[in-house]
N, C-alpha and C. Protein backbone atom coordinates (compact mmCIF):
# COMPACT_ATOMS: atom_id res chain seq x y z
N MET A 1 34.86 12.65 -24.54
CA MET A 1 33.73 12.70 -25.17
C MET A 1 33.02 13.65 -25.31
N ASN A 2 31.81 14.09 -26.62
CA ASN A 2 32.17 15.64 -26.55
C ASN A 2 29.83 14.84 -25.95
N LYS A 3 29.65 16.64 -24.75
CA LYS A 3 28.15 15.95 -24.48
C LYS A 3 27.51 16.81 -26.01
N THR A 4 25.93 16.50 -25.77
CA THR A 4 24.98 17.21 -26.60
C THR A 4 24.61 18.00 -25.24
N VAL A 5 24.98 19.33 -25.79
CA VAL A 5 24.20 20.63 -25.17
C VAL A 5 22.56 21.10 -25.42
N PHE A 6 21.98 21.24 -24.78
CA PHE A 6 20.29 21.62 -24.99
C PHE A 6 20.29 23.02 -24.83
N SER A 7 19.55 23.62 -25.57
CA SER A 7 19.65 25.35 -25.43
C SER A 7 18.23 25.35 -24.62
N ILE A 8 17.83 24.05 -24.60
CA ILE A 8 16.10 24.92 -23.62
C ILE A 8 16.10 25.13 -22.56
N LYS A 9 15.59 26.31 -22.18
CA LYS A 9 15.22 26.68 -20.69
C LYS A 9 14.91 25.58 -19.71
N LYS A 10 15.22 25.86 -18.43
CA LYS A 10 14.71 24.56 -17.53
C LYS A 10 13.14 25.48 -16.62
N GLU A 11 13.09 26.38 -17.08
CA GLU A 11 11.90 27.53 -16.45
C GLU A 11 10.64 26.67 -15.94
N LYS A 12 10.00 27.35 -15.09
CA LYS A 12 8.29 26.96 -14.90
C LYS A 12 7.36 27.21 -15.42
N ASN A 13 7.80 28.35 -16.46
CA ASN A 13 6.97 29.23 -16.94
C ASN A 13 6.11 28.92 -18.35
N TYR A 14 4.95 28.39 -18.10
CA TYR A 14 4.40 27.91 -19.54
C TYR A 14 3.77 29.38 -20.42
N ILE A 15 3.71 28.99 -21.81
CA ILE A 15 3.02 29.92 -22.61
C ILE A 15 1.96 28.64 -22.70
N TRP A 16 0.65 30.05 -22.47
CA TRP A 16 -0.37 29.32 -23.16
C TRP A 16 -0.93 29.66 -24.36
N PHE A 17 -1.36 28.30 -25.02
CA PHE A 17 -2.44 28.94 -26.69
C PHE A 17 -4.04 28.53 -26.42
N LEU A 18 -4.67 29.16 -27.17
CA LEU A 18 -5.88 28.93 -27.10
C LEU A 18 -6.74 28.40 -28.60
N PHE A 19 -7.41 27.04 -28.55
CA PHE A 19 -7.95 26.64 -29.71
C PHE A 19 -9.32 26.87 -29.12
N ASP A 20 -10.24 27.41 -30.34
CA ASP A 20 -11.71 27.57 -30.38
C ASP A 20 -12.17 25.95 -31.23
N ALA A 21 -12.95 25.22 -30.61
CA ALA A 21 -13.18 23.69 -31.70
C ALA A 21 -14.28 24.19 -31.88
N GLU A 22 -15.23 25.05 -32.13
CA GLU A 22 -16.07 25.31 -32.71
C GLU A 22 -16.29 25.03 -34.35
N SER A 23 -16.82 23.99 -34.69
CA SER A 23 -17.14 23.67 -36.03
C SER A 23 -15.92 23.22 -36.78
N LYS A 24 -14.97 22.28 -36.05
CA LYS A 24 -13.52 22.04 -36.75
C LYS A 24 -13.42 20.72 -36.84
N THR A 25 -12.83 20.36 -37.59
CA THR A 25 -13.02 19.03 -37.41
C THR A 25 -12.15 18.34 -36.96
N LEU A 26 -12.58 16.96 -35.99
CA LEU A 26 -11.18 16.30 -34.98
C LEU A 26 -10.20 16.05 -34.90
N GLY A 27 -10.01 15.59 -36.17
CA GLY A 27 -8.19 15.01 -36.65
C GLY A 27 -7.80 16.15 -36.91
N ARG A 28 -8.11 17.40 -37.69
CA ARG A 28 -7.20 18.22 -37.73
C ARG A 28 -7.16 19.44 -36.67
N LEU A 29 -7.90 19.50 -35.98
CA LEU A 29 -7.98 20.18 -35.04
C LEU A 29 -6.97 19.70 -33.90
N SER A 30 -7.17 17.82 -33.64
CA SER A 30 -5.89 16.93 -32.85
C SER A 30 -4.66 16.99 -33.24
N THR A 31 -4.15 17.19 -34.26
CA THR A 31 -3.30 17.32 -34.90
C THR A 31 -2.71 18.24 -35.17
N GLN A 32 -2.87 19.81 -34.70
CA GLN A 32 -2.61 21.23 -34.07
C GLN A 32 -2.55 21.21 -32.82
N ILE A 33 -3.26 20.59 -31.97
CA ILE A 33 -2.84 20.93 -30.64
C ILE A 33 -1.98 19.65 -30.15
N SER A 34 -1.48 19.03 -30.35
CA SER A 34 -0.58 17.64 -30.61
C SER A 34 0.44 18.63 -30.89
N ARG A 35 0.88 19.45 -31.93
CA ARG A 35 1.71 19.81 -32.32
C ARG A 35 2.37 20.71 -31.30
N VAL A 36 1.38 21.68 -31.08
CA VAL A 36 1.92 23.12 -30.19
C VAL A 36 2.12 22.12 -28.63
N LEU A 37 1.83 21.56 -28.23
CA LEU A 37 1.91 20.59 -27.28
C LEU A 37 3.54 20.22 -26.89
N LEU A 38 3.48 19.24 -27.88
CA LEU A 38 4.76 18.98 -28.14
C LEU A 38 5.96 20.20 -28.69
N GLY A 39 5.74 21.21 -29.08
CA GLY A 39 6.35 21.99 -29.09
C GLY A 39 6.90 22.30 -30.44
N LYS A 40 6.27 22.01 -31.46
CA LYS A 40 7.34 21.76 -33.38
C LYS A 40 6.70 23.16 -33.21
N ASN A 41 5.89 24.38 -32.59
CA ASN A 41 6.18 24.90 -33.53
C ASN A 41 7.10 26.51 -32.83
N ASP A 42 7.87 25.69 -31.79
CA ASP A 42 8.91 26.82 -31.05
C ASP A 42 10.54 26.12 -32.15
N VAL A 43 11.22 27.19 -31.89
CA VAL A 43 12.21 27.40 -32.66
C VAL A 43 13.14 26.45 -31.74
N GLN A 44 12.74 26.10 -30.42
CA GLN A 44 13.56 25.57 -29.55
C GLN A 44 13.45 23.77 -29.74
N TYR A 45 12.43 23.39 -30.31
CA TYR A 45 12.00 21.96 -30.29
C TYR A 45 12.97 21.03 -30.35
N ASN A 46 12.84 19.83 -29.32
CA ASN A 46 13.52 18.95 -28.70
C ASN A 46 12.58 17.79 -28.66
N SER A 47 12.46 16.67 -29.81
CA SER A 47 11.13 15.37 -29.15
C SER A 47 11.59 14.90 -27.53
N SER A 48 12.82 14.89 -26.99
CA SER A 48 12.81 14.00 -25.88
C SER A 48 12.43 15.44 -24.71
N GLN A 49 12.24 16.91 -25.04
CA GLN A 49 12.26 17.46 -23.79
C GLN A 49 10.86 18.28 -23.85
N ASN A 50 10.46 18.47 -22.92
CA ASN A 50 9.27 19.52 -22.48
C ASN A 50 9.20 21.01 -23.02
N ILE A 51 9.09 21.68 -23.72
CA ILE A 51 9.12 22.64 -24.64
C ILE A 51 8.35 23.77 -23.27
N HIS A 52 7.80 23.62 -22.49
CA HIS A 52 6.36 24.39 -21.32
C HIS A 52 5.46 25.21 -22.10
N HIS A 53 4.95 23.91 -23.04
CA HIS A 53 3.32 24.84 -23.85
C HIS A 53 2.19 24.45 -23.32
N GLY A 54 1.30 25.09 -22.69
CA GLY A 54 -0.22 24.67 -22.54
C GLY A 54 -1.24 24.63 -23.61
N VAL A 55 -2.32 24.41 -23.80
CA VAL A 55 -3.36 24.81 -24.39
C VAL A 55 -4.61 24.49 -23.86
N ILE A 56 -5.52 24.93 -23.64
CA ILE A 56 -7.00 25.56 -23.85
C ILE A 56 -7.72 25.24 -24.97
N VAL A 57 -8.67 24.87 -24.91
CA VAL A 57 -9.47 24.24 -25.58
C VAL A 57 -11.36 24.29 -25.46
N ILE A 58 -11.71 25.24 -26.04
CA ILE A 58 -12.92 25.82 -25.81
C ILE A 58 -13.51 25.08 -26.87
N ASN A 59 -14.96 25.26 -26.47
CA ASN A 59 -16.17 24.53 -27.49
C ASN A 59 -16.08 23.34 -27.71
N ALA A 60 -15.81 22.43 -26.62
CA ALA A 60 -15.71 20.88 -27.11
C ALA A 60 -16.73 20.20 -27.75
N GLU A 61 -17.70 20.48 -27.15
CA GLU A 61 -18.81 19.90 -27.54
C GLU A 61 -19.55 20.43 -28.97
N LYS A 62 -18.74 21.39 -29.76
CA LYS A 62 -19.20 21.86 -31.13
C LYS A 62 -18.06 21.32 -32.12
N VAL A 63 -17.28 20.06 -31.78
CA VAL A 63 -16.35 19.11 -32.69
C VAL A 63 -17.14 18.81 -33.93
N THR A 64 -16.62 18.94 -34.96
CA THR A 64 -17.49 18.05 -35.69
C THR A 64 -16.59 16.81 -36.39
N VAL A 65 -17.28 15.65 -37.19
CA VAL A 65 -16.37 14.63 -38.03
C VAL A 65 -16.85 14.74 -39.46
N THR A 66 -16.22 13.63 -40.24
CA THR A 66 -17.13 14.06 -41.19
C THR A 66 -16.90 12.95 -42.02
N GLY A 67 -17.91 12.61 -42.83
CA GLY A 67 -18.20 11.11 -43.32
C GLY A 67 -19.76 10.83 -42.42
N LYS A 68 -19.46 9.05 -42.32
CA LYS A 68 -20.84 8.42 -41.28
C LYS A 68 -20.17 8.71 -40.33
N LYS A 69 -18.56 9.11 -39.48
CA LYS A 69 -17.97 9.00 -38.57
C LYS A 69 -18.88 8.82 -37.12
N GLU A 70 -19.72 9.45 -37.31
CA GLU A 70 -20.41 10.09 -36.04
C GLU A 70 -21.92 8.84 -35.40
N THR A 71 -22.44 8.06 -36.60
CA THR A 71 -23.22 7.08 -36.10
C THR A 71 -21.65 5.83 -36.17
N ASP A 72 -21.03 5.50 -36.96
CA ASP A 72 -19.84 4.35 -37.01
C ASP A 72 -19.07 4.18 -36.08
N LYS A 73 -18.56 5.40 -35.77
CA LYS A 73 -16.69 5.53 -34.91
C LYS A 73 -17.20 5.28 -33.40
N PHE A 74 -16.61 3.73 -32.64
CA PHE A 74 -17.00 4.07 -31.76
C PHE A 74 -16.22 4.26 -30.62
N TYR A 75 -16.04 4.25 -29.15
CA TYR A 75 -15.36 4.23 -28.42
C TYR A 75 -16.11 3.16 -27.54
N TYR A 76 -14.61 2.89 -26.83
CA TYR A 76 -14.43 1.58 -26.00
C TYR A 76 -13.91 1.76 -24.47
N ARG A 77 -14.52 0.91 -23.71
CA ARG A 77 -14.04 1.11 -22.37
C ARG A 77 -14.30 -0.21 -21.36
N HIS A 78 -13.54 -0.68 -20.98
CA HIS A 78 -13.95 -1.92 -19.49
C HIS A 78 -13.92 -1.26 -18.48
N SER A 79 -14.86 -2.16 -17.48
CA SER A 79 -14.88 -1.82 -16.26
C SER A 79 -13.95 -2.57 -15.64
N GLY A 80 -13.08 -3.81 -16.21
CA GLY A 80 -12.82 -5.07 -15.21
C GLY A 80 -13.44 -6.17 -14.88
N ARG A 81 -14.50 -5.95 -15.03
CA ARG A 81 -15.24 -6.92 -14.62
C ARG A 81 -16.01 -8.17 -15.46
N PRO A 82 -16.16 -9.29 -15.57
CA PRO A 82 -16.44 -9.51 -16.40
C PRO A 82 -17.88 -9.32 -17.29
N GLY A 83 -17.74 -9.03 -18.38
CA GLY A 83 -18.88 -8.65 -18.96
C GLY A 83 -18.75 -6.96 -19.30
N GLY A 84 -18.14 -6.41 -18.68
CA GLY A 84 -18.22 -4.71 -18.46
C GLY A 84 -17.88 -3.90 -19.37
N LEU A 85 -17.39 -4.14 -20.79
CA LEU A 85 -17.51 -4.00 -21.87
C LEU A 85 -18.45 -2.95 -22.12
N THR A 86 -18.05 -1.47 -22.45
CA THR A 86 -19.28 -0.58 -22.88
C THR A 86 -18.93 -0.17 -24.20
N ILE A 87 -19.63 -0.02 -25.23
CA ILE A 87 -19.45 0.72 -26.20
C ILE A 87 -20.09 2.08 -26.55
N GLU A 88 -19.88 2.85 -27.14
CA GLU A 88 -20.62 4.19 -27.31
C GLU A 88 -20.14 4.79 -28.57
N THR A 89 -21.12 5.19 -29.48
CA THR A 89 -21.04 5.56 -30.78
C THR A 89 -20.48 7.15 -30.65
N PHE A 90 -19.83 8.25 -31.56
CA PHE A 90 -19.18 9.15 -31.01
C PHE A 90 -20.49 10.25 -31.09
N LYS A 91 -21.77 10.05 -31.32
CA LYS A 91 -23.02 10.68 -30.96
C LYS A 91 -23.16 10.81 -29.46
N GLU A 92 -23.34 9.59 -29.06
CA GLU A 92 -23.95 9.45 -27.46
C GLU A 92 -22.63 10.09 -26.92
N MET A 93 -21.32 9.66 -27.20
CA MET A 93 -20.11 10.12 -26.57
C MET A 93 -20.05 11.98 -26.63
N GLN A 94 -20.57 12.32 -27.06
CA GLN A 94 -20.75 13.91 -27.71
C GLN A 94 -21.88 14.71 -26.75
N LYS A 95 -22.67 13.56 -26.27
CA LYS A 95 -23.71 14.48 -25.87
C LYS A 95 -23.21 13.72 -24.06
N ARG A 96 -22.48 12.78 -23.60
CA ARG A 96 -22.16 12.49 -22.20
C ARG A 96 -21.26 13.17 -22.16
N ILE A 97 -20.09 13.06 -22.22
CA ILE A 97 -18.56 14.20 -22.42
C ILE A 97 -17.78 14.59 -24.00
N PRO A 98 -18.16 15.51 -24.17
CA PRO A 98 -18.11 16.07 -25.18
C PRO A 98 -16.34 16.16 -25.34
N SER A 99 -15.61 16.80 -23.83
CA SER A 99 -14.42 17.02 -23.80
C SER A 99 -13.74 15.36 -24.01
N ARG A 100 -14.34 14.62 -23.90
CA ARG A 100 -12.95 13.76 -23.47
C ARG A 100 -13.05 12.76 -24.95
N ILE A 101 -14.29 13.26 -26.18
CA ILE A 101 -13.46 13.04 -27.49
C ILE A 101 -11.90 13.35 -27.72
N LEU A 102 -12.17 14.75 -28.18
CA LEU A 102 -10.64 15.01 -27.47
C LEU A 102 -9.92 14.46 -26.88
N GLU A 103 -9.53 14.42 -25.63
CA GLU A 103 -8.67 14.20 -24.77
C GLU A 103 -8.43 12.93 -25.29
N LYS A 104 -8.96 11.98 -25.74
CA LYS A 104 -8.67 10.52 -27.09
C LYS A 104 -7.73 10.87 -27.82
N SER A 105 -8.53 11.97 -28.49
CA SER A 105 -7.50 12.29 -29.42
C SER A 105 -6.28 12.61 -29.78
N ILE A 106 -6.19 13.49 -28.97
CA ILE A 106 -4.72 14.30 -28.66
C ILE A 106 -4.07 13.18 -27.80
N LYS A 107 -4.03 12.24 -26.87
CA LYS A 107 -3.71 11.50 -26.10
C LYS A 107 -3.35 10.31 -27.12
N GLY A 108 -3.67 10.16 -27.91
CA GLY A 108 -2.75 9.00 -29.04
C GLY A 108 -2.11 9.53 -29.81
N MET A 109 -1.95 10.94 -30.21
CA MET A 109 -0.66 11.91 -30.69
C MET A 109 0.48 11.55 -30.03
N LEU A 110 0.35 11.80 -28.55
CA LEU A 110 0.90 12.36 -27.39
C LEU A 110 2.02 11.24 -28.05
N PRO A 111 3.54 11.52 -27.04
CA PRO A 111 4.65 9.86 -27.08
C PRO A 111 3.84 9.35 -26.12
N LYS A 112 4.67 8.16 -25.77
CA LYS A 112 4.10 6.97 -24.92
C LYS A 112 5.18 7.13 -24.39
N GLY A 113 4.44 7.73 -22.57
CA GLY A 113 5.54 7.65 -21.36
C GLY A 113 5.48 8.07 -20.67
N PRO A 114 6.71 8.70 -19.90
CA PRO A 114 6.70 9.86 -18.90
C PRO A 114 6.47 11.31 -19.53
N LEU A 115 7.26 11.35 -20.77
CA LEU A 115 6.72 12.95 -21.43
C LEU A 115 5.68 13.03 -21.96
N GLY A 116 5.15 11.87 -22.28
CA GLY A 116 3.91 12.23 -23.16
C GLY A 116 2.84 12.28 -21.94
N ARG A 117 2.67 11.73 -21.06
CA ARG A 117 1.81 11.38 -19.55
C ARG A 117 2.20 13.54 -18.77
N GLU A 118 3.35 13.90 -19.05
CA GLU A 118 3.36 14.82 -18.33
C GLU A 118 2.85 16.07 -19.26
N LEU A 119 3.17 15.98 -20.52
CA LEU A 119 2.44 16.42 -21.38
C LEU A 119 1.11 17.16 -21.53
N PHE A 120 0.34 16.02 -21.54
CA PHE A 120 -0.75 15.71 -21.72
C PHE A 120 -1.25 16.68 -20.05
N THR A 121 -0.58 16.74 -19.39
CA THR A 121 -1.62 17.22 -18.12
C THR A 121 -1.62 18.81 -17.72
N LYS A 122 -0.89 19.43 -19.25
CA LYS A 122 -1.51 21.02 -19.76
C LYS A 122 -2.05 20.99 -20.92
N LEU A 123 -2.99 20.09 -20.88
CA LEU A 123 -4.06 20.72 -21.34
C LEU A 123 -5.33 20.18 -21.46
N LYS A 124 -5.90 21.53 -21.31
CA LYS A 124 -7.36 21.52 -20.63
C LYS A 124 -8.16 22.06 -21.80
N ILE A 125 -9.46 21.12 -21.34
CA ILE A 125 -10.71 21.07 -22.11
C ILE A 125 -12.30 21.48 -21.95
N TYR A 126 -12.71 22.54 -21.85
CA TYR A 126 -13.94 22.96 -21.51
C TYR A 126 -15.14 23.05 -23.03
N LYS A 127 -16.11 22.64 -22.66
CA LYS A 127 -17.45 22.39 -23.44
C LYS A 127 -17.77 23.64 -23.39
N GLY A 128 -17.78 24.86 -22.79
CA GLY A 128 -18.47 25.71 -23.38
C GLY A 128 -17.29 27.28 -24.11
N SER A 129 -17.65 28.59 -23.78
CA SER A 129 -16.54 29.07 -24.58
C SER A 129 -15.67 29.94 -23.33
N GLU A 130 -16.42 29.40 -22.31
CA GLU A 130 -15.43 30.20 -21.13
C GLU A 130 -14.65 29.54 -20.16
N HIS A 131 -13.38 29.68 -20.12
CA HIS A 131 -12.56 29.29 -19.11
C HIS A 131 -11.93 30.25 -18.22
N PRO A 132 -11.38 29.12 -17.18
CA PRO A 132 -10.80 30.37 -15.23
C PRO A 132 -9.19 30.40 -16.18
N HIS A 133 -8.44 30.48 -16.96
CA HIS A 133 -7.10 30.82 -17.45
C HIS A 133 -6.99 31.90 -17.63
N LYS A 134 -7.82 32.88 -17.79
CA LYS A 134 -7.59 34.14 -18.28
C LYS A 134 -6.51 34.68 -17.58
N ALA A 135 -5.76 34.52 -17.02
CA ALA A 135 -4.33 35.15 -15.87
C ALA A 135 -3.11 34.78 -16.70
N GLN A 136 -3.76 33.45 -17.48
CA GLN A 136 -2.38 33.13 -18.09
C GLN A 136 -1.88 33.73 -19.87
N ASN A 137 -2.93 34.70 -19.35
CA ASN A 137 -3.02 35.67 -21.29
C ASN A 137 -2.62 34.79 -22.26
N PRO A 138 -3.72 33.71 -22.79
CA PRO A 138 -3.57 32.60 -23.49
C PRO A 138 -3.41 33.58 -25.16
N ILE A 139 -2.52 32.83 -26.17
CA ILE A 139 -2.63 33.06 -27.78
C ILE A 139 -3.11 32.33 -28.19
N HIS A 140 -4.23 33.29 -28.93
CA HIS A 140 -5.39 32.75 -29.46
C HIS A 140 -4.79 31.98 -31.02
N ILE A 141 -5.07 30.92 -31.07
CA ILE A 141 -4.49 30.12 -32.43
C ILE A 141 -5.78 29.61 -33.59
N THR A 142 -5.89 29.94 -34.94
CA THR A 142 -7.29 29.66 -35.60
C THR A 142 -6.12 28.23 -36.37
N VAL A 143 -7.30 27.53 -36.26
CA VAL A 143 -7.03 26.09 -37.09
C VAL A 143 -7.39 26.39 -38.47
N HIS A 144 -7.59 26.60 -39.60
CA HIS A 144 -7.99 26.51 -40.90
C HIS A 144 -8.57 25.19 -41.40
């Protein structure tokens, strides 16, 4: 039988990409970030393997949504105790933990299972315009 040969290198060096979320729409930004994490922008893309791309997102608190989603979009979490359901709107979540909005959006677009969990660890989201990953020399990507 013939075996499938994958041309992806097994190196641990990640290529890092930088996204600025200032005045970007949540869904459009999330799809671009998930595509880069999956490696769909790379020639060696394979849906079942990690392409070794990392993503840094800055200005997470300045992401926007369209329509009435600012007040009508809800985020649910449950403590596990009876009556422990907590519901927050987009606006409340943006004040409290702005990076969680992007995390939830991008995680939902990644594959479910071990590969998706591994890819999610290479997503770094920061509230302000500063990040501690200058040494990785991230490639700046603009989203239209």
